[in-house]
Amino acid sequence: MLADLRRRIASGEFGQRVPGDEELTAQYGVSRHTVREAVRRLQIEGVVERGRGRGTFVKDTMIEQPLGAIYSLFRSVEEQGFAQRSIVRRLEESSDAEAAGVLGCPPGAPLIYLERLRLADGVPIVLDCSWLPAALARPLLAVDFTHTALYHELHVRCGVQPDAGWERIRPVLPSPVQRGLLRLPPRTPALAVERLATWQTTPVEWRHSLVRGDRFSYVARWSTQDQAARFEPVTGTG
């Protein structure tokens, strides 16, 4: 029963709400205790969540993102089985004094601004706002970003491939407009992710992302070998 119930949930047969104990008992011809134990196992696995008086619901699948590495949200979403699509809200040549300063450009320098609402299986998950130097990224103005990755297009059309950078992540309360775009209830926090990507030490993208915290999990992985290499004593006179 447990394996079949897990399969039916994964296929989306029930939608968001799982049938109650009585219905599952009738469907599988087992005792209520067996049903409750199966649902308890699924709850431990993080497949469902259950509340007294509310019933049992399918838990939203988390999209996993790595920390400490250059990653593509487009690739992460699709590799984890979601259909990725973007609504392009703005793609234009513009200027911004703060963005120019971060990117190491003169004040008033032309920049490319790309604003996308990213969706997974039709659900808004990230609001992305990117600034890039127009001298490097002007060919991007001809791109349809509905179903493609920024870094892929940057490489193919501009010959630029980010190879380093940093990210800063902090919790925030979205504005009413941002809440509406991401379909978040009032006073629900989200994750603000600021990124500066560089190519051969030259800043090429300054990005601000607003991420739904209920759909993303940021993961750092390490090993004792990595730690040993990092803290290995240095010898010599140099």
C-alpha atoms as a PDB file:
ATOM      1  CA  MET A   1       0.000   0.000   0.000  1.00  0.00           C
ATOM      2  CA  LEU A   2       2.724   2.478   0.965  1.00  0.00           C
ATOM      3  CA  ALA A   3       4.571   2.146  -2.365  1.00  0.00           C
ATOM      4  CA  ASP A   4       1.350   2.533  -4.351  1.00  0.00           C
ATOM      5  CA  LEU A   5       0.251   5.541  -2.327  1.00  0.00           C
ATOM      6  CA  ARG A   6       3.658   7.137  -2.851  1.00  0.00           C
ATOM      7  CA  ARG A   7       3.349   6.492  -6.619  1.00  0.00           C
ATOM      8  CA  ARG A   8      -0.127   8.013  -6.817  1.00  0.00           C
ATOM      9  CA  ILE A   9       0.977  11.139  -4.971  1.00  0.00           C
ATOM     10  CA  ALA A  10       4.046  11.529  -7.223  1.00  0.00           C
ATOM     11  CA  SER A  11       1.871  11.234 -10.343  1.00  0.00           C
ATOM     12  CA  GLY A  12      -0.351  14.070  -9.127  1.00  0.00           C
ATOM     13  CA  GLU A  13      -3.449  11.885  -8.967  1.00  0.00           C
ATOM     14  CA  PHE A  14      -4.749  13.536  -5.791  1.00  0.00           C
ATOM     15  CA  GLY A  15      -3.753  17.109  -6.529  1.00  0.00           C
ATOM     16  CA  GLN A  16      -2.939  18.873  -3.255  1.00  0.00           C
ATOM     17  CA  ARG A  17      -5.308  17.051  -0.872  1.00  0.00           C
ATOM     18  CA  VAL A  18      -4.841  13.353  -0.063  1.00  0.00           C
ATOM     19  CA  PRO A  19      -8.016  11.323   0.615  1.00  0.00           C
ATOM     20  CA  GLY A  20      -8.909  10.808   4.271  1.00  0.00           C
ATOM     21  CA  ASP A  21      -8.316   7.673   6.320  1.00  0.00           C
ATOM     22  CA  GLU A  22     -11.786   6.223   5.716  1.00  0.00           C
ATOM     23  CA  GLU A  23     -11.539   6.607   1.942  1.00  0.00           C
ATOM     24  CA  LEU A  24      -8.038   5.086   1.810  1.00  0.00           C
ATOM     25  CA  THR A  25      -9.171   2.232   4.074  1.00  0.00           C
ATOM     26  CA  ALA A  26     -11.953   1.440   1.609  1.00  0.00           C
ATOM     27  CA  GLN A  27      -9.722   1.778  -1.455  1.00  0.00           C
ATOM     28  CA  TYR A  28      -7.008  -0.542  -0.176  1.00  0.00           C
ATOM     29  CA  GLY A  29      -9.106  -2.884   1.929  1.00  0.00           C
ATOM     30  CA  VAL A  30      -6.829  -2.514   4.961  1.00  0.00           C
ATOM     31  CA  SER A  31      -7.285  -1.401   8.557  1.00  0.00           C
ATOM     32  CA  ARG A  32      -7.337   2.243   9.587  1.00  0.00           C
ATOM     33  CA  HIS A  33      -4.179   1.581  11.620  1.00  0.00           C
ATOM     34  CA  THR A  34      -2.359   0.474   8.431  1.00  0.00           C
ATOM     35  CA  VAL A  35      -3.503   3.609   6.611  1.00  0.00           C
ATOM     36  CA  ARG A  36      -2.400   5.885   9.430  1.00  0.00           C
ATOM     37  CA  GLU A  37       0.989   4.198   9.620  1.00  0.00           C
ATOM     38  CA  ALA A  38       1.498   4.621   5.853  1.00  0.00           C
ATOM     39  CA  VAL A  39       0.567   8.313   6.017  1.00  0.00           C
ATOM     40  CA  ARG A  40       2.858   8.736   9.045  1.00  0.00           C
ATOM     41  CA  ARG A  41       5.743   7.279   7.022  1.00  0.00           C
ATOM     42  CA  LEU A  42       5.031   9.667   4.153  1.00  0.00           C
ATOM     43  CA  GLN A  43       4.954  12.555   6.610  1.00  0.00           C
ATOM     44  CA  ILE A  44       8.392  11.559   7.967  1.00  0.00           C
ATOM     45  CA  GLU A  45       9.709  11.407   4.389  1.00  0.00           C
ATOM     46  CA  GLY A  46       8.461  14.952   3.773  1.00  0.00           C
ATOM     47  CA  VAL A  47       6.001  13.852   1.073  1.00  0.00           C
ATOM     48  CA  VAL A  48       2.861  15.008   2.910  1.00  0.00           C
ATOM     49  CA  GLU A  49       1.920  17.208   5.839  1.00  0.00           C
ATOM     50  CA  ARG A  50      -0.952  16.516   8.199  1.00  0.00           C
ATOM     51  CA  GLY A  51      -2.809  18.687  10.707  1.00  0.00           C
ATOM     52  CA  ARG A  52      -5.564  17.907  13.149  1.00  0.00           C
ATOM     53  CA  GLY A  53      -8.878  18.959  11.655  1.00  0.00           C
ATOM     54  CA  ARG A  54      -7.260  19.970   8.343  1.00  0.00           C
ATOM     55  CA  GLY A  55      -6.571  16.629   6.690  1.00  0.00           C
ATOM     56  CA  THR A  56      -3.520  15.493   4.738  1.00  0.00           C
ATOM     57  CA  PHE A  57      -1.917  17.583   2.002  1.00  0.00           C
ATOM     58  CA  VAL A  58       0.829  16.941  -0.538  1.00  0.00           C
ATOM     59  CA  LYS A  59       3.873  18.939   0.456  1.00  0.00           C
ATOM     60  CA  ASP A  60       5.248  21.295  -2.179  1.00  0.00           C
ATOM     61  CA  THR A  61       8.428  19.918  -3.708  1.00  0.00           C
ATOM     62  CA  MET A  62      11.507  21.974  -2.878  1.00  0.00           C
ATOM     63  CA  ILE A  63      13.906  23.032  -5.630  1.00  0.00           C
ATOM     64  CA  GLU A  64      17.457  22.479  -4.472  1.00  0.00           C
ATOM     65  CA  GLN A  65      20.145  25.044  -5.215  1.00  0.00           C
ATOM     66  CA  PRO A  66      23.850  24.663  -4.398  1.00  0.00           C
ATOM     67  CA  LEU A  67      25.814  27.151  -2.356  1.00  0.00           C
ATOM     68  CA  GLY A  68      29.400  28.116  -3.154  1.00  0.00           C
ATOM     69  CA  ALA A  69      29.106  27.430  -6.900  1.00  0.00           C
ATOM     70  CA  ILE A  70      28.012  29.112 -10.117  1.00  0.00           C
ATOM     71  CA  TYR A  71      24.666  27.562 -10.987  1.00  0.00           C
ATOM     72  CA  SER A  72      21.884  28.031 -13.499  1.00  0.00           C
ATOM     73  CA  LEU A  73      18.373  28.339 -12.070  1.00  0.00           C
ATOM     74  CA  PHE A  74      17.056  27.311 -15.489  1.00  0.00           C
ATOM     75  CA  ARG A  75      19.071  24.061 -15.384  1.00  0.00           C
ATOM     76  CA  SER A  76      18.279  23.389 -11.699  1.00  0.00           C
ATOM     77  CA  VAL A  77      14.542  23.682 -12.273  1.00  0.00           C
ATOM     78  CA  GLU A  78      14.473  21.497 -15.381  1.00  0.00           C
ATOM     79  CA  GLU A  79      16.842  18.833 -14.043  1.00  0.00           C
ATOM     80  CA  GLN A  80      14.537  18.374 -11.052  1.00  0.00           C
ATOM     81  CA  GLY A  81      11.578  17.618 -13.316  1.00  0.00           C
ATOM     82  CA  PHE A  82       9.785  20.978 -13.462  1.00  0.00           C
ATOM     83  CA  ALA A  83       8.752  22.801 -16.611  1.00  0.00           C
ATOM     84  CA  GLN A  84      10.601  26.150 -16.556  1.00  0.00           C
ATOM     85  CA  ARG A  85       9.191  29.283 -18.123  1.00  0.00           C
ATOM     86  CA  SER A  86       9.878  32.995 -17.690  1.00  0.00           C
ATOM     87  CA  ILE A  87       7.629  36.003 -18.094  1.00  0.00           C
ATOM     88  CA  VAL A  88       9.900  38.800 -19.331  1.00  0.00           C
ATOM     89  CA  ARG A  89       8.700  41.980 -17.654  1.00  0.00           C
ATOM     90  CA  ARG A  90      11.482  44.234 -18.966  1.00  0.00           C
ATOM     91  CA  LEU A  91      14.403  43.858 -21.372  1.00  0.00           C
ATOM     92  CA  GLU A  92      15.915  47.187 -22.319  1.00  0.00           C
ATOM     93  CA  GLU A  93      18.972  49.393 -22.492  1.00  0.00           C
ATOM     94  CA  SER A  94      18.929  51.801 -19.585  1.00  0.00           C
ATOM     95  CA  SER A  95      21.136  53.347 -16.915  1.00  0.00           C
ATOM     96  CA  ASP A  96      21.357  53.151 -13.147  1.00  0.00           C
ATOM     97  CA  ALA A  97      24.007  54.881 -11.058  1.00  0.00           C
ATOM     98  CA  GLU A  98      24.151  52.222  -8.330  1.00  0.00           C
ATOM     99  CA  ALA A  99      24.296  49.318 -10.787  1.00  0.00           C
ATOM    100  CA  ALA A 100      26.982  51.082 -12.827  1.00  0.00           C
ATOM    101  CA  GLY A 101      29.067  51.540  -9.693  1.00  0.00           C
ATOM    102  CA  VAL A 102      28.795  47.889  -8.695  1.00  0.00           C
ATOM    103  CA  LEU A 103      29.685  46.778 -12.221  1.00  0.00           C
ATOM    104  CA  GLY A 104      32.685  49.098 -12.358  1.00  0.00           C
ATOM    105  CA  CYS A 105      31.216  51.255 -15.123  1.00  0.00           C
ATOM    106  CA  PRO A 106      31.260  55.070 -15.306  1.00  0.00           C
ATOM    107  CA  PRO A 107      28.151  56.857 -13.966  1.00  0.00           C
ATOM    108  CA  GLY A 108      25.536  57.055 -16.681  1.00  0.00           C
ATOM    109  CA  ALA A 109      27.099  54.207 -18.680  1.00  0.00           C
ATOM    110  CA  PRO A 110      24.557  52.273 -20.766  1.00  0.00           C
ATOM    111  CA  LEU A 111      23.442  49.024 -19.138  1.00  0.00           C
ATOM    112  CA  ILE A 112      21.198  46.134 -20.123  1.00  0.00           C
ATOM    113  CA  TYR A 113      18.345  45.543 -17.686  1.00  0.00           C
ATOM    114  CA  LEU A 114      16.499  42.210 -17.675  1.00  0.00           C
ATOM    115  CA  GLU A 115      13.579  41.553 -15.325  1.00  0.00           C
ATOM    116  CA  ARG A 116      11.977  38.106 -15.336  1.00  0.00           C
ATOM    117  CA  LEU A 117       9.297  36.342 -13.336  1.00  0.00           C
ATOM    118  CA  ARG A 118      10.472  32.718 -13.229  1.00  0.00           C
ATOM    119  CA  LEU A 119       7.892  29.924 -13.096  1.00  0.00           C
ATOM    120  CA  ALA A 120       8.120  26.192 -12.354  1.00  0.00           C
ATOM    121  CA  ASP A 121       5.150  24.139 -13.612  1.00  0.00           C
ATOM    122  CA  GLY A 122       3.296  27.427 -14.014  1.00  0.00           C
ATOM    123  CA  VAL A 123       3.868  28.565 -10.412  1.00  0.00           C
ATOM    124  CA  PRO A 124       5.840  31.817  -9.835  1.00  0.00           C
ATOM    125  CA  ILE A 125       8.977  31.021  -7.817  1.00  0.00           C
ATOM    126  CA  VAL A 126      11.531  33.806  -8.408  1.00  0.00           C
ATOM    127  CA  LEU A 127      11.521  37.463  -9.435  1.00  0.00           C
ATOM    128  CA  ASP A 128      14.906  38.106 -11.120  1.00  0.00           C
ATOM    129  CA  CYS A 129      16.346  41.565 -11.897  1.00  0.00           C
ATOM    130  CA  SER A 130      19.710  41.669 -13.693  1.00  0.00           C
ATOM    131  CA  TRP A 131      21.986  44.549 -14.735  1.00  0.00           C
ATOM    132  CA  LEU A 132      24.784  43.944 -17.273  1.00  0.00           C
ATOM    133  CA  PRO A 133      27.228  46.318 -19.030  1.00  0.00           C
ATOM    134  CA  ALA A 134      25.757  47.172 -22.440  1.00  0.00           C
ATOM    135  CA  ALA A 135      29.239  47.148 -23.996  1.00  0.00           C
ATOM    136  CA  LEU A 136      29.357  43.391 -23.313  1.00  0.00           C
ATOM    137  CA  ALA A 137      25.728  42.363 -23.316  1.00  0.00           C
ATOM    138  CA  ARG A 138      23.907  44.460 -25.951  1.00  0.00           C
ATOM    139  CA  PRO A 139      23.263  41.390 -28.205  1.00  0.00           C
ATOM    140  CA  LEU A 140      20.972  40.062 -25.447  1.00  0.00           C
ATOM    141  CA  LEU A 141      18.347  42.635 -26.464  1.00  0.00           C
ATOM    142  CA  ALA A 142      17.404  40.325 -29.357  1.00  0.00           C
ATOM    143  CA  VAL A 143      16.858  37.246 -27.139  1.00  0.00           C
ATOM    144  CA  ASP A 144      13.492  35.735 -26.229  1.00  0.00           C
ATOM    145  CA  PHE A 145      14.079  34.783 -22.577  1.00  0.00           C
ATOM    146  CA  THR A 146      10.803  32.877 -22.213  1.00  0.00           C
ATOM    147  CA  HIS A 147      12.611  29.527 -22.162  1.00  0.00           C
ATOM    148  CA  THR A 148      16.352  29.967 -22.040  1.00  0.00           C
ATOM    149  CA  ALA A 149      19.133  30.689 -19.560  1.00  0.00           C
ATOM    150  CA  LEU A 150      20.818  34.083 -19.250  1.00  0.00           C
ATOM    151  CA  TYR A 151      24.328  32.658 -18.904  1.00  0.00           C
ATOM    152  CA  HIS A 152      23.821  30.394 -21.919  1.00  0.00           C
ATOM    153  CA  GLU A 153      22.802  33.356 -24.091  1.00  0.00           C
ATOM    154  CA  LEU A 154      25.590  35.485 -22.631  1.00  0.00           C
ATOM    155  CA  HIS A 155      28.104  32.840 -23.683  1.00  0.00           C
ATOM    156  CA  VAL A 156      26.659  32.110 -27.130  1.00  0.00           C
ATOM    157  CA  ARG A 157      25.883  35.679 -28.223  1.00  0.00           C
ATOM    158  CA  CYS A 158      28.458  37.733 -26.320  1.00  0.00           C
ATOM    159  CA  GLY A 159      31.380  35.348 -25.819  1.00  0.00           C
ATOM    160  CA  VAL A 160      31.166  35.928 -22.057  1.00  0.00           C
ATOM    161  CA  GLN A 161      31.064  33.048 -19.579  1.00  0.00           C
ATOM    162  CA  PRO A 162      30.937  33.957 -15.846  1.00  0.00           C
ATOM    163  CA  ASP A 163      33.677  32.106 -13.977  1.00  0.00           C
ATOM    164  CA  ALA A 164      33.531  33.563 -10.448  1.00  0.00           C
ATOM    165  CA  GLY A 165      31.459  35.760  -8.175  1.00  0.00           C
ATOM    166  CA  TRP A 166      29.619  35.937  -4.876  1.00  0.00           C
ATOM    167  CA  GLU A 167      26.098  35.742  -3.485  1.00  0.00           C
ATOM    168  CA  ARG A 168      24.468  37.197  -0.385  1.00  0.00           C
ATOM    169  CA  ILE A 169      21.209  35.697   0.937  1.00  0.00           C
ATOM    170  CA  ARG A 170      18.915  37.258   3.533  1.00  0.00           C
ATOM    171  CA  PRO A 171      15.235  37.015   4.551  1.00  0.00           C
ATOM    172  CA  VAL A 172      12.943  39.928   3.614  1.00  0.00           C
ATOM    173  CA  LEU A 173       9.267  40.849   3.576  1.00  0.00           C
ATOM    174  CA  PRO A 174       8.261  41.418  -0.066  1.00  0.00           C
ATOM    175  CA  SER A 175       6.475  44.584  -1.121  1.00  0.00           C
ATOM    176  CA  PRO A 176       2.763  44.316  -2.034  1.00  0.00           C
ATOM    177  CA  VAL A 177       3.683  44.300  -5.742  1.00  0.00           C
ATOM    178  CA  GLN A 178       6.284  41.578  -5.267  1.00  0.00           C
ATOM    179  CA  ARG A 179       3.850  39.536  -3.155  1.00  0.00           C
ATOM    180  CA  GLY A 180       1.280  39.727  -5.910  1.00  0.00           C
ATOM    181  CA  LEU A 181       3.741  38.587  -8.568  1.00  0.00           C
ATOM    182  CA  LEU A 182       4.945  35.626  -6.461  1.00  0.00           C
ATOM    183  CA  ARG A 183       1.420  34.856  -5.141  1.00  0.00           C
ATOM    184  CA  LEU A 184       2.513  35.041  -1.518  1.00  0.00           C
ATOM    185  CA  PRO A 185       0.154  35.695   1.428  1.00  0.00           C
ATOM    186  CA  PRO A 186       0.646  38.920   3.443  1.00  0.00           C
ATOM    187  CA  ARG A 187       3.579  39.007   5.879  1.00  0.00           C
ATOM    188  CA  THR A 188       5.136  35.908   4.328  1.00  0.00           C
ATOM    189  CA  PRO A 189       8.935  36.218   4.155  1.00  0.00           C
ATOM    190  CA  ALA A 190      10.961  35.472   1.055  1.00  0.00           C
ATOM    191  CA  LEU A 191      14.684  35.154   0.366  1.00  0.00           C
ATOM    192  CA  ALA A 192      16.529  38.081  -1.214  1.00  0.00           C
ATOM    193  CA  VAL A 193      19.557  36.864  -3.164  1.00  0.00           C
ATOM    194  CA  GLU A 194      22.115  39.396  -4.414  1.00  0.00           C
ATOM    195  CA  ARG A 195      24.703  38.124  -6.889  1.00  0.00           C
ATOM    196  CA  LEU A 196      27.726  39.658  -8.596  1.00  0.00           C
ATOM    197  CA  ALA A 197      29.119  37.470 -11.383  1.00  0.00           C
ATOM    198  CA  THR A 198      32.507  38.114 -12.994  1.00  0.00           C
ATOM    199  CA  TRP A 199      34.351  36.937 -16.082  1.00  0.00           C
ATOM    200  CA  GLN A 200      38.135  37.077 -16.056  1.00  0.00           C
ATOM    201  CA  THR A 201      37.829  39.386 -13.002  1.00  0.00           C
ATOM    202  CA  THR A 202      35.488  41.793 -14.890  1.00  0.00           C
ATOM    203  CA  PRO A 203      32.000  42.249 -13.363  1.00  0.00           C
ATOM    204  CA  VAL A 204      29.413  41.135 -15.922  1.00  0.00           C
ATOM    205  CA  GLU A 205      26.133  40.808 -13.993  1.00  0.00           C
ATOM    206  CA  TRP A 206      24.618  42.297 -10.852  1.00  0.00           C
ATOM    207  CA  ARG A 207      21.437  40.457  -9.960  1.00  0.00           C
ATOM    208  CA  HIS A 208      18.744  40.806  -7.334  1.00  0.00           C
ATOM    209  CA  SER A 209      16.440  37.809  -6.944  1.00  0.00           C
ATOM    210  CA  LEU A 210      13.406  37.469  -4.734  1.00  0.00           C
ATOM    211  CA  VAL A 211      12.909  33.772  -4.060  1.00  0.00           C
ATOM    212  CA  ARG A 212       9.910  31.977  -2.569  1.00  0.00           C
ATOM    213  CA  GLY A 213      11.287  30.403   0.597  1.00  0.00           C
ATOM    214  CA  ASP A 214       8.613  27.685   0.543  1.00  0.00           C
ATOM    215  CA  ARG A 215       9.888  26.354  -2.796  1.00  0.00           C
ATOM    216  CA  PHE A 216      13.687  26.622  -2.510  1.00  0.00           C
ATOM    217  CA  SER A 217      16.297  24.879  -0.414  1.00  0.00           C
ATOM    218  CA  TYR A 218      19.882  26.157  -0.540  1.00  0.00           C
ATOM    219  CA  VAL A 219      22.373  23.368   0.160  1.00  0.00           C
ATOM    220  CA  ALA A 220      26.091  23.443   0.988  1.00  0.00           C
ATOM    221  CA  ARG A 221      28.057  20.213   0.615  1.00  0.00           C
ATOM    222  CA  TRP A 222      31.533  19.491   1.909  1.00  0.00           C
ATOM    223  CA  SER A 223      33.837  16.612   2.808  1.00  0.00           C
ATOM    224  CA  THR A 224      36.589  16.036   5.353  1.00  0.00           C
ATOM    225  CA  GLN A 225      39.040  15.860   2.413  1.00  0.00           C
ATOM    226  CA  ASP A 226      38.061  19.403   1.401  1.00  0.00           C
ATOM    227  CA  GLN A 227      38.577  20.644   4.944  1.00  0.00           C
ATOM    228  CA  ALA A 228      41.925  18.883   5.258  1.00  0.00           C
ATOM    229  CA  ALA A 229      43.149  20.493   2.030  1.00  0.00           C
ATOM    230  CA  ARG A 230      41.943  23.923   3.150  1.00  0.00           C
ATOM    231  CA  PHE A 231      43.711  23.775   6.506  1.00  0.00           C
ATOM    232  CA  GLU A 232      46.858  21.881   5.462  1.00  0.00           C
ATOM    233  CA  PRO A 233      49.952  23.591   6.949  1.00  0.00           C
ATOM    234  CA  VAL A 234      52.017  25.608   4.484  1.00  0.00           C
ATOM    235  CA  THR A 235      55.785  25.060   4.626  1.00  0.00           C
ATOM    236  CA  GLY A 236      58.704  26.755   2.957  1.00  0.00           C
ATOM    237  CA  THR A 237      60.381  30.127   3.007  1.00  0.00           C
ATOM    238  CA  GLY A 238      58.517  31.792   0.144  1.00  0.00           C
END
